[in-house]
Amino acid sequence: MTFFDKVRASAGMGNAKVDARVKETRVRQGGSVSGEVFIAGGAVEQTINGVYISVMTQVLVEHDDRKFMQDLEIQRQKVSDSLVIGAKEEKTLPFAFDLSPETPMTVGQSDVWLKTALDVPFAVDPKDKDHLEVSGNEAAKTVLAAVEQLGFSMKKVTNLKSRRTRTGVVQEFEFYPGSEFRGDFSELELVFIPDKSGTTVFLELDHKAKGLGGLLAAAMDMDESRTSVRFTNGSIGSVREVAEGLRRTIENMKR
């Protein structure tokens, strides 16, 4: 191994390559993700301090009166401790882990992906990116279907930073009311907070529809009282039953 080879590897030229091969990219919140991490050695032997898979998403942040999207790591999984990869050597490492139940659903513009990285000292860390299609848990899917049954149409879905969750992110859904509630309020906002035993759904009626986004999530962070409904795993009820319950809840919120 020449000095020039070492310099090239540290700059990312002739470096080891990494490729995560996910068995199933469609997964439910809290569901299992598995596959293999394929590592191909570069031009020189390299020590890798660790192999990690991060679950990533993007959140809307505001700074200096400017809004922009920012990458956020919501979960990290270690695939391997320190190892040595020889020049042109190939290694395959299996992985399996459960997604956080708080992982955002890939609805609208929401994106979730796996970022696989090799921690190579004194070098550019090789990375790989694999997108996931994340569906909601039983409560989220039933509530969203019930909201649609009540005539609401989705306006947008926004991922926002929050202190309420372990992952640091909440997903806020905004809906336009249908004929039944048109004239009573401008928007219905929902935030789902899932955990291992069930899901809490926070609701807010917006009478002004300023389009600012994140008002419900911000209010939750400030511990302001907001209407919430709790759904326990295994006892969610049918879409029709949930729709009737939501109708009663919304009617009470209007008063």
C-alpha atoms as a PDB file:
ATOM      1  CA  MET A   1       0.000   0.000   0.000  1.00  0.00           C
ATOM      2  CA  THR A   2       1.646   3.226  -1.121  1.00  0.00           C
ATOM      3  CA  PHE A   3       1.311   6.610   0.572  1.00  0.00           C
ATOM      4  CA  PHE A   4      -0.521   7.847  -2.520  1.00  0.00           C
ATOM      5  CA  ASP A   5      -3.052   5.003  -2.213  1.00  0.00           C
ATOM      6  CA  LYS A   6      -3.752   5.993   1.409  1.00  0.00           C
ATOM      7  CA  VAL A   7      -4.274   9.623   0.452  1.00  0.00           C
ATOM      8  CA  ARG A   8      -6.644   8.664  -2.361  1.00  0.00           C
ATOM      9  CA  ALA A   9      -8.694   6.436  -0.038  1.00  0.00           C
ATOM     10  CA  SER A  10      -8.944   9.135   2.638  1.00  0.00           C
ATOM     11  CA  ALA A  11     -10.305  11.512   0.011  1.00  0.00           C
ATOM     12  CA  GLY A  12     -12.913   8.977  -1.049  1.00  0.00           C
ATOM     13  CA  MET A  13     -11.116   7.875  -4.227  1.00  0.00           C
ATOM     14  CA  GLY A  14     -10.640   4.122  -4.307  1.00  0.00           C
ATOM     15  CA  ASN A  15     -12.554   3.961  -1.021  1.00  0.00           C
ATOM     16  CA  ALA A  16     -14.701   1.010   0.100  1.00  0.00           C
ATOM     17  CA  LYS A  17     -18.284   1.022  -1.244  1.00  0.00           C
ATOM     18  CA  VAL A  18     -21.471   0.148   0.628  1.00  0.00           C
ATOM     19  CA  ASP A  19     -24.855  -1.019  -0.650  1.00  0.00           C
ATOM     20  CA  ALA A  20     -27.800  -1.903   1.586  1.00  0.00           C
ATOM     21  CA  ARG A  21     -30.135  -4.450   0.037  1.00  0.00           C
ATOM     22  CA  VAL A  22     -33.498  -4.166   1.769  1.00  0.00           C
ATOM     23  CA  LYS A  23     -35.670  -7.292   1.616  1.00  0.00           C
ATOM     24  CA  GLU A  24     -38.997  -5.416   1.643  1.00  0.00           C
ATOM     25  CA  THR A  25     -39.222  -1.648   1.215  1.00  0.00           C
ATOM     26  CA  ARG A  26     -42.955  -1.551   2.032  1.00  0.00           C
ATOM     27  CA  VAL A  27     -43.386  -1.551   5.791  1.00  0.00           C
ATOM     28  CA  ARG A  28     -45.897  -0.459   8.409  1.00  0.00           C
ATOM     29  CA  GLN A  29     -45.094   1.918  11.277  1.00  0.00           C
ATOM     30  CA  GLY A  30     -43.322  -0.196  13.896  1.00  0.00           C
ATOM     31  CA  GLY A  31     -42.808  -2.995  11.377  1.00  0.00           C
ATOM     32  CA  SER A  32     -39.659  -5.005  10.741  1.00  0.00           C
ATOM     33  CA  VAL A  33     -36.979  -3.996   8.246  1.00  0.00           C
ATOM     34  CA  SER A  34     -34.372  -6.543   7.200  1.00  0.00           C
ATOM     35  CA  GLY A  35     -31.802  -7.208   4.541  1.00  0.00           C
ATOM     36  CA  GLU A  36     -28.070  -7.266   3.943  1.00  0.00           C
ATOM     37  CA  VAL A  37     -25.322  -4.671   3.811  1.00  0.00           C
ATOM     38  CA  PHE A  38     -22.856  -5.398   1.009  1.00  0.00           C
ATOM     39  CA  ILE A  39     -19.365  -3.911   1.395  1.00  0.00           C
ATOM     40  CA  ALA A  40     -16.861  -3.908  -1.465  1.00  0.00           C
ATOM     41  CA  GLY A  41     -13.264  -3.143  -0.620  1.00  0.00           C
ATOM     42  CA  GLY A  42     -11.528  -0.360  -2.490  1.00  0.00           C
ATOM     43  CA  ALA A  43      -7.994   0.070  -3.743  1.00  0.00           C
ATOM     44  CA  VAL A  44      -6.438  -0.396  -0.295  1.00  0.00           C
ATOM     45  CA  GLU A  45      -7.157  -2.210   2.960  1.00  0.00           C
ATOM     46  CA  GLN A  46      -9.256  -0.076   5.295  1.00  0.00           C
ATOM     47  CA  THR A  47     -10.372  -0.254   8.913  1.00  0.00           C
ATOM     48  CA  ILE A  48     -14.064   0.454   9.419  1.00  0.00           C
ATOM     49  CA  ASN A  49     -14.993   1.559  12.937  1.00  0.00           C
ATOM     50  CA  GLY A  50     -18.624   0.556  12.500  1.00  0.00           C
ATOM     51  CA  VAL A  51     -21.495   0.046  10.077  1.00  0.00           C
ATOM     52  CA  TYR A  52     -24.711   1.952  10.799  1.00  0.00           C
ATOM     53  CA  ILE A  53     -28.180   2.290   9.307  1.00  0.00           C
ATOM     54  CA  SER A  54     -30.071   5.511  10.051  1.00  0.00           C
ATOM     55  CA  VAL A  55     -33.789   5.980   9.443  1.00  0.00           C
ATOM     56  CA  MET A  56     -34.139   9.442   7.937  1.00  0.00           C
ATOM     57  CA  THR A  57     -36.926  11.851   7.070  1.00  0.00           C
ATOM     58  CA  GLN A  58     -37.334  15.557   6.385  1.00  0.00           C
ATOM     59  CA  VAL A  59     -39.014  18.110   8.646  1.00  0.00           C
ATOM     60  CA  LEU A  60     -40.213  21.639   8.008  1.00  0.00           C
ATOM     61  CA  VAL A  61     -38.265  24.135  10.128  1.00  0.00           C
ATOM     62  CA  GLU A  62     -38.438  27.892  10.468  1.00  0.00           C
ATOM     63  CA  HIS A  63     -35.415  30.097  11.067  1.00  0.00           C
ATOM     64  CA  ASP A  64     -35.116  33.872  10.676  1.00  0.00           C
ATOM     65  CA  ASP A  65     -38.603  34.071   9.150  1.00  0.00           C
ATOM     66  CA  ARG A  66     -37.586  31.534   6.540  1.00  0.00           C
ATOM     67  CA  LYS A  67     -39.071  28.035   6.143  1.00  0.00           C
ATOM     68  CA  PHE A  68     -37.143  25.138   4.671  1.00  0.00           C
ATOM     69  CA  MET A  69     -36.893  21.351   4.763  1.00  0.00           C
ATOM     70  CA  GLN A  70     -34.187  19.749   6.902  1.00  0.00           C
ATOM     71  CA  ASP A  71     -32.982  16.143   7.077  1.00  0.00           C
ATOM     72  CA  LEU A  72     -33.615  14.506  10.457  1.00  0.00           C
ATOM     73  CA  GLU A  73     -32.316  11.197  11.788  1.00  0.00           C
ATOM     74  CA  ILE A  74     -35.126   9.549  13.747  1.00  0.00           C
ATOM     75  CA  GLN A  75     -33.507   6.179  14.461  1.00  0.00           C
ATOM     76  CA  ARG A  76     -30.077   4.547  14.245  1.00  0.00           C
ATOM     77  CA  GLN A  77     -29.175   0.865  14.155  1.00  0.00           C
ATOM     78  CA  LYS A  78     -25.670  -0.584  14.482  1.00  0.00           C
ATOM     79  CA  VAL A  79     -25.074  -3.349  11.960  1.00  0.00           C
ATOM     80  CA  SER A  80     -21.479  -4.190  12.857  1.00  0.00           C
ATOM     81  CA  ASP A  81     -18.665  -3.235  15.172  1.00  0.00           C
ATOM     82  CA  SER A  82     -15.141  -2.541  13.929  1.00  0.00           C
ATOM     83  CA  LEU A  83     -13.920  -4.611  10.999  1.00  0.00           C
ATOM     84  CA  VAL A  84     -11.195  -4.614   8.361  1.00  0.00           C
ATOM     85  CA  ILE A  85     -12.032  -4.764   4.654  1.00  0.00           C
ATOM     86  CA  GLY A  86      -9.187  -5.774   2.370  1.00  0.00           C
ATOM     87  CA  ALA A  87      -8.476  -4.355  -1.059  1.00  0.00           C
ATOM     88  CA  LYS A  88     -11.130  -5.690  -3.467  1.00  0.00           C
ATOM     89  CA  GLU A  89     -12.554  -7.884  -0.672  1.00  0.00           C
ATOM     90  CA  GLU A  90     -16.318  -8.336  -0.369  1.00  0.00           C
ATOM     91  CA  LYS A  91     -18.317  -8.749   2.839  1.00  0.00           C
ATOM     92  CA  THR A  92     -22.046  -9.231   3.445  1.00  0.00           C
ATOM     93  CA  LEU A  93     -23.605  -8.333   6.794  1.00  0.00           C
ATOM     94  CA  PRO A  94     -27.226  -9.210   7.675  1.00  0.00           C
ATOM     95  CA  PHE A  95     -29.430  -6.720   9.523  1.00  0.00           C
ATOM     96  CA  ALA A  96     -32.924  -6.679  11.017  1.00  0.00           C
ATOM     97  CA  PHE A  97     -34.674  -4.164  13.264  1.00  0.00           C
ATOM     98  CA  ASP A  98     -38.097  -2.707  13.999  1.00  0.00           C
ATOM     99  CA  LEU A  99     -39.012   0.759  12.822  1.00  0.00           C
ATOM    100  CA  SER A 100     -40.110   3.174  15.505  1.00  0.00           C
ATOM    101  CA  PRO A 101     -43.931   3.315  15.707  1.00  0.00           C
ATOM    102  CA  GLU A 102     -43.466   7.097  15.354  1.00  0.00           C
ATOM    103  CA  THR A 103     -41.941   6.789  11.879  1.00  0.00           C
ATOM    104  CA  PRO A 104     -43.821   9.174   9.537  1.00  0.00           C
ATOM    105  CA  MET A 105     -46.116   7.685   6.938  1.00  0.00           C
ATOM    106  CA  THR A 106     -44.967   8.299   3.380  1.00  0.00           C
ATOM    107  CA  VAL A 107     -48.063  10.314   2.471  1.00  0.00           C
ATOM    108  CA  GLY A 108     -48.027  13.378   0.237  1.00  0.00           C
ATOM    109  CA  GLN A 109     -44.519  14.808   0.099  1.00  0.00           C
ATOM    110  CA  SER A 110     -43.317  12.939   3.209  1.00  0.00           C
ATOM    111  CA  ASP A 111     -40.219  10.857   2.545  1.00  0.00           C
ATOM    112  CA  VAL A 112     -38.523   8.173   4.660  1.00  0.00           C
ATOM    113  CA  TRP A 113     -35.275   6.474   3.746  1.00  0.00           C
ATOM    114  CA  LEU A 114     -32.462   4.343   5.138  1.00  0.00           C
ATOM    115  CA  LYS A 115     -28.999   5.877   5.124  1.00  0.00           C
ATOM    116  CA  THR A 116     -26.317   3.220   5.419  1.00  0.00           C
ATOM    117  CA  ALA A 117     -22.856   4.479   6.330  1.00  0.00           C
ATOM    118  CA  LEU A 118     -19.400   3.072   6.975  1.00  0.00           C
ATOM    119  CA  ASP A 119     -17.502   4.878   9.727  1.00  0.00           C
ATOM    120  CA  VAL A 120     -14.039   5.052   8.178  1.00  0.00           C
ATOM    121  CA  PRO A 121     -11.476   6.995  10.252  1.00  0.00           C
ATOM    122  CA  PHE A 122      -9.727   9.905   8.544  1.00  0.00           C
ATOM    123  CA  ALA A 123     -11.694   9.367   5.342  1.00  0.00           C
ATOM    124  CA  VAL A 124     -14.894  10.323   3.585  1.00  0.00           C
ATOM    125  CA  ASP A 125     -17.573   7.957   4.960  1.00  0.00           C
ATOM    126  CA  PRO A 126     -19.140   5.847   2.174  1.00  0.00           C
ATOM    127  CA  LYS A 127     -22.960   6.087   2.219  1.00  0.00           C
ATOM    128  CA  ASP A 128     -25.988   4.484   0.581  1.00  0.00           C
ATOM    129  CA  LYS A 129     -29.644   5.596   0.422  1.00  0.00           C
ATOM    130  CA  ASP A 130     -32.742   3.389   0.144  1.00  0.00           C
ATOM    131  CA  HIS A 131     -36.291   4.752   0.220  1.00  0.00           C
ATOM    132  CA  LEU A 132     -39.054   3.099   2.263  1.00  0.00           C
ATOM    133  CA  GLU A 133     -42.803   3.140   1.693  1.00  0.00           C
ATOM    134  CA  VAL A 134     -44.244   3.445   5.217  1.00  0.00           C
ATOM    135  CA  SER A 135     -47.948   2.828   5.796  1.00  0.00           C
ATOM    136  CA  GLY A 136     -49.868   3.787   8.911  1.00  0.00           C
ATOM    137  CA  ASN A 137     -50.648   1.490  11.811  1.00  0.00           C
ATOM    138  CA  GLU A 138     -54.154   0.107  12.292  1.00  0.00           C
ATOM    139  CA  ALA A 139     -55.423   3.187  14.144  1.00  0.00           C
ATOM    140  CA  ALA A 140     -53.979   5.686  11.661  1.00  0.00           C
ATOM    141  CA  LYS A 141     -55.350   3.853   8.635  1.00  0.00           C
ATOM    142  CA  THR A 142     -58.792   3.517  10.231  1.00  0.00           C
ATOM    143  CA  VAL A 143     -58.948   7.156  11.362  1.00  0.00           C
ATOM    144  CA  LEU A 144     -57.845   8.461   7.956  1.00  0.00           C
ATOM    145  CA  ALA A 145     -60.473   6.293   6.255  1.00  0.00           C
ATOM    146  CA  ALA A 146     -63.092   7.546   8.741  1.00  0.00           C
ATOM    147  CA  VAL A 147     -62.161  11.182   8.086  1.00  0.00           C
ATOM    148  CA  GLU A 148     -62.568  10.570   4.364  1.00  0.00           C
ATOM    149  CA  GLN A 149     -65.940   8.906   5.009  1.00  0.00           C
ATOM    150  CA  LEU A 150     -67.058  12.084   6.808  1.00  0.00           C
ATOM    151  CA  GLY A 151     -66.395  14.023   3.612  1.00  0.00           C
ATOM    152  CA  PHE A 152     -63.059  15.623   4.463  1.00  0.00           C
ATOM    153  CA  SER A 153     -60.428  15.985   1.740  1.00  0.00           C
ATOM    154  CA  MET A 154     -56.725  16.106   2.493  1.00  0.00           C
ATOM    155  CA  LYS A 155     -55.026  19.463   2.058  1.00  0.00           C
ATOM    156  CA  LYS A 156     -51.453  18.552   3.014  1.00  0.00           C
ATOM    157  CA  VAL A 157     -49.243  16.506   5.314  1.00  0.00           C
ATOM    158  CA  THR A 158     -46.281  18.104   7.068  1.00  0.00           C
ATOM    159  CA  ASN A 159     -43.480  16.590   9.146  1.00  0.00           C
ATOM    160  CA  LEU A 160     -42.528  18.867  12.032  1.00  0.00           C
ATOM    161  CA  LYS A 161     -40.049  18.818  14.909  1.00  0.00           C
ATOM    162  CA  SER A 162     -41.604  18.061  18.284  1.00  0.00           C
ATOM    163  CA  ARG A 163     -40.579  17.450  21.879  1.00  0.00           C
ATOM    164  CA  ARG A 164     -43.597  15.187  22.325  1.00  0.00           C
ATOM    165  CA  THR A 165     -42.003  12.175  20.647  1.00  0.00           C
ATOM    166  CA  ARG A 166     -38.840  10.130  21.124  1.00  0.00           C
ATOM    167  CA  THR A 167     -37.945  10.487  17.453  1.00  0.00           C
ATOM    168  CA  GLY A 168     -38.346  14.271  17.574  1.00  0.00           C
ATOM    169  CA  VAL A 169     -40.889  14.367  14.751  1.00  0.00           C
ATOM    170  CA  VAL A 170     -44.676  14.511  14.421  1.00  0.00           C
ATOM    171  CA  GLN A 171     -46.770  14.349  11.292  1.00  0.00           C
ATOM    172  CA  GLU A 172     -49.577  16.867  10.955  1.00  0.00           C
ATOM    173  CA  PHE A 173     -52.503  16.193   8.611  1.00  0.00           C
ATOM    174  CA  GLU A 174     -54.681  19.059   7.400  1.00  0.00           C
ATOM    175  CA  PHE A 175     -58.110  18.525   5.827  1.00  0.00           C
ATOM    176  CA  TYR A 176     -60.736  20.661   4.131  1.00  0.00           C
ATOM    177  CA  PRO A 177     -64.244  19.982   5.491  1.00  0.00           C
ATOM    178  CA  GLY A 178     -66.934  18.502   3.267  1.00  0.00           C
ATOM    179  CA  SER A 179     -70.549  19.613   2.981  1.00  0.00           C
ATOM    180  CA  GLU A 180     -71.472  18.433   6.487  1.00  0.00           C
ATOM    181  CA  PHE A 181     -69.081  20.816   8.246  1.00  0.00           C
ATOM    182  CA  ARG A 182     -68.468  23.465   5.600  1.00  0.00           C
ATOM    183  CA  GLY A 183     -69.156  26.858   7.163  1.00  0.00           C
ATOM    184  CA  ASP A 184     -68.411  25.612  10.690  1.00  0.00           C
ATOM    185  CA  PHE A 185     -64.618  25.768  10.334  1.00  0.00           C
ATOM    186  CA  SER A 186     -61.979  26.044   7.623  1.00  0.00           C
ATOM    187  CA  GLU A 187     -59.715  23.093   8.387  1.00  0.00           C
ATOM    188  CA  LEU A 188     -59.422  19.989  10.527  1.00  0.00           C
ATOM    189  CA  GLU A 189     -55.914  19.232  11.809  1.00  0.00           C
ATOM    190  CA  LEU A 190     -54.842  15.813  13.096  1.00  0.00           C
ATOM    191  CA  VAL A 191     -51.630  14.619  14.713  1.00  0.00           C
ATOM    192  CA  PHE A 192     -51.008  10.927  15.454  1.00  0.00           C
ATOM    193  CA  ILE A 193     -48.789   9.968  18.414  1.00  0.00           C
ATOM    194  CA  PRO A 194     -48.308   6.184  18.240  1.00  0.00           C
ATOM    195  CA  ASP A 195     -46.654   4.028  20.883  1.00  0.00           C
ATOM    196  CA  LYS A 196     -46.373   0.301  21.586  1.00  0.00           C
ATOM    197  CA  SER A 197     -49.839  -0.005  23.157  1.00  0.00           C
ATOM    198  CA  GLY A 198     -51.877   2.269  20.905  1.00  0.00           C
ATOM    199  CA  THR A 199     -52.231   5.655  19.240  1.00  0.00           C
ATOM    200  CA  THR A 200     -53.355   9.033  20.538  1.00  0.00           C
ATOM    201  CA  VAL A 201     -54.937  11.309  17.947  1.00  0.00           C
ATOM    202  CA  PHE A 202     -54.927  15.060  18.644  1.00  0.00           C
ATOM    203  CA  LEU A 203     -57.557  17.163  16.875  1.00  0.00           C
ATOM    204  CA  GLU A 204     -57.886  20.890  16.241  1.00  0.00           C
ATOM    205  CA  LEU A 205     -60.413  22.937  14.289  1.00  0.00           C
ATOM    206  CA  ASP A 206     -58.905  25.873  12.424  1.00  0.00           C
ATOM    207  CA  HIS A 207     -61.403  28.695  11.816  1.00  0.00           C
ATOM    208  CA  LYS A 208     -58.970  30.993  10.033  1.00  0.00           C
ATOM    209  CA  ALA A 209     -56.968  28.708   7.721  1.00  0.00           C
ATOM    210  CA  LYS A 210     -53.971  30.990   7.635  1.00  0.00           C
ATOM    211  CA  GLY A 211     -51.954  28.255   5.997  1.00  0.00           C
ATOM    212  CA  LEU A 212     -49.097  28.576   8.451  1.00  0.00           C
ATOM    213  CA  GLY A 213     -48.985  24.881   9.299  1.00  0.00           C
ATOM    214  CA  GLY A 214     -47.722  23.374  12.521  1.00  0.00           C
ATOM    215  CA  LEU A 215     -50.154  25.223  14.791  1.00  0.00           C
ATOM    216  CA  LEU A 216     -51.474  22.061  16.427  1.00  0.00           C
ATOM    217  CA  ALA A 217     -48.008  20.562  16.798  1.00  0.00           C
ATOM    218  CA  ALA A 218     -46.690  23.789  18.336  1.00  0.00           C
ATOM    219  CA  ALA A 219     -49.609  23.926  20.757  1.00  0.00           C
ATOM    220  CA  MET A 220     -48.903  20.347  21.817  1.00  0.00           C
ATOM    221  CA  ASP A 221     -45.277  21.231  22.546  1.00  0.00           C
ATOM    222  CA  MET A 222     -46.481  24.066  24.791  1.00  0.00           C
ATOM    223  CA  ASP A 223     -48.738  21.598  26.639  1.00  0.00           C
ATOM    224  CA  GLU A 224     -51.860  23.541  25.724  1.00  0.00           C
ATOM    225  CA  SER A 225     -55.018  21.478  26.071  1.00  0.00           C
ATOM    226  CA  ARG A 226     -56.222  20.031  22.791  1.00  0.00           C
ATOM    227  CA  THR A 227     -58.908  17.456  22.119  1.00  0.00           C
ATOM    228  CA  SER A 228     -57.506  13.950  21.856  1.00  0.00           C
ATOM    229  CA  VAL A 229     -58.854  10.457  21.253  1.00  0.00           C
ATOM    230  CA  ARG A 230     -57.029   7.308  22.372  1.00  0.00           C
ATOM    231  CA  PHE A 231     -57.117   4.075  20.354  1.00  0.00           C
ATOM    232  CA  THR A 232     -55.749   0.907  21.979  1.00  0.00           C
ATOM    233  CA  ASN A 233     -54.151  -1.720  19.751  1.00  0.00           C
ATOM    234  CA  GLY A 234     -56.573  -4.509  18.888  1.00  0.00           C
ATOM    235  CA  SER A 235     -59.718  -2.562  19.783  1.00  0.00           C
ATOM    236  CA  ILE A 236     -59.865   0.172  17.176  1.00  0.00           C
ATOM    237  CA  GLY A 237     -63.335  -0.576  15.818  1.00  0.00           C
ATOM    238  CA  SER A 238     -64.627  -0.383  12.259  1.00  0.00           C
ATOM    239  CA  VAL A 239     -64.225   2.632   9.976  1.00  0.00           C
ATOM    240  CA  ARG A 240     -67.940   3.369  10.404  1.00  0.00           C
ATOM    241  CA  GLU A 241     -67.709   3.221  14.207  1.00  0.00           C
ATOM    242  CA  VAL A 242     -64.651   5.461  14.275  1.00  0.00           C
ATOM    243  CA  ALA A 243     -66.329   7.910  11.870  1.00  0.00           C
ATOM    244  CA  GLU A 244     -69.348   8.204  14.175  1.00  0.00           C
ATOM    245  CA  GLY A 245     -67.064   8.767  17.167  1.00  0.00           C
ATOM    246  CA  LEU A 246     -65.125  11.458  15.307  1.00  0.00           C
ATOM    247  CA  ARG A 247     -68.376  13.132  14.242  1.00  0.00           C
ATOM    248  CA  ARG A 248     -69.469  13.395  17.901  1.00  0.00           C
ATOM    249  CA  THR A 249     -66.027  14.672  18.915  1.00  0.00           C
ATOM    250  CA  ILE A 250     -66.027  17.353  16.211  1.00  0.00           C
ATOM    251  CA  GLU A 251     -69.573  18.412  17.114  1.00  0.00           C
ATOM    252  CA  ASN A 252     -68.460  18.879  20.730  1.00  0.00           C
ATOM    253  CA  MET A 253     -65.395  20.849  19.605  1.00  0.00           C
ATOM    254  CA  LYS A 254     -67.614  23.263  17.654  1.00  0.00           C
ATOM    255  CA  ARG A 255     -69.490  24.324  20.802  1.00  0.00           C
END
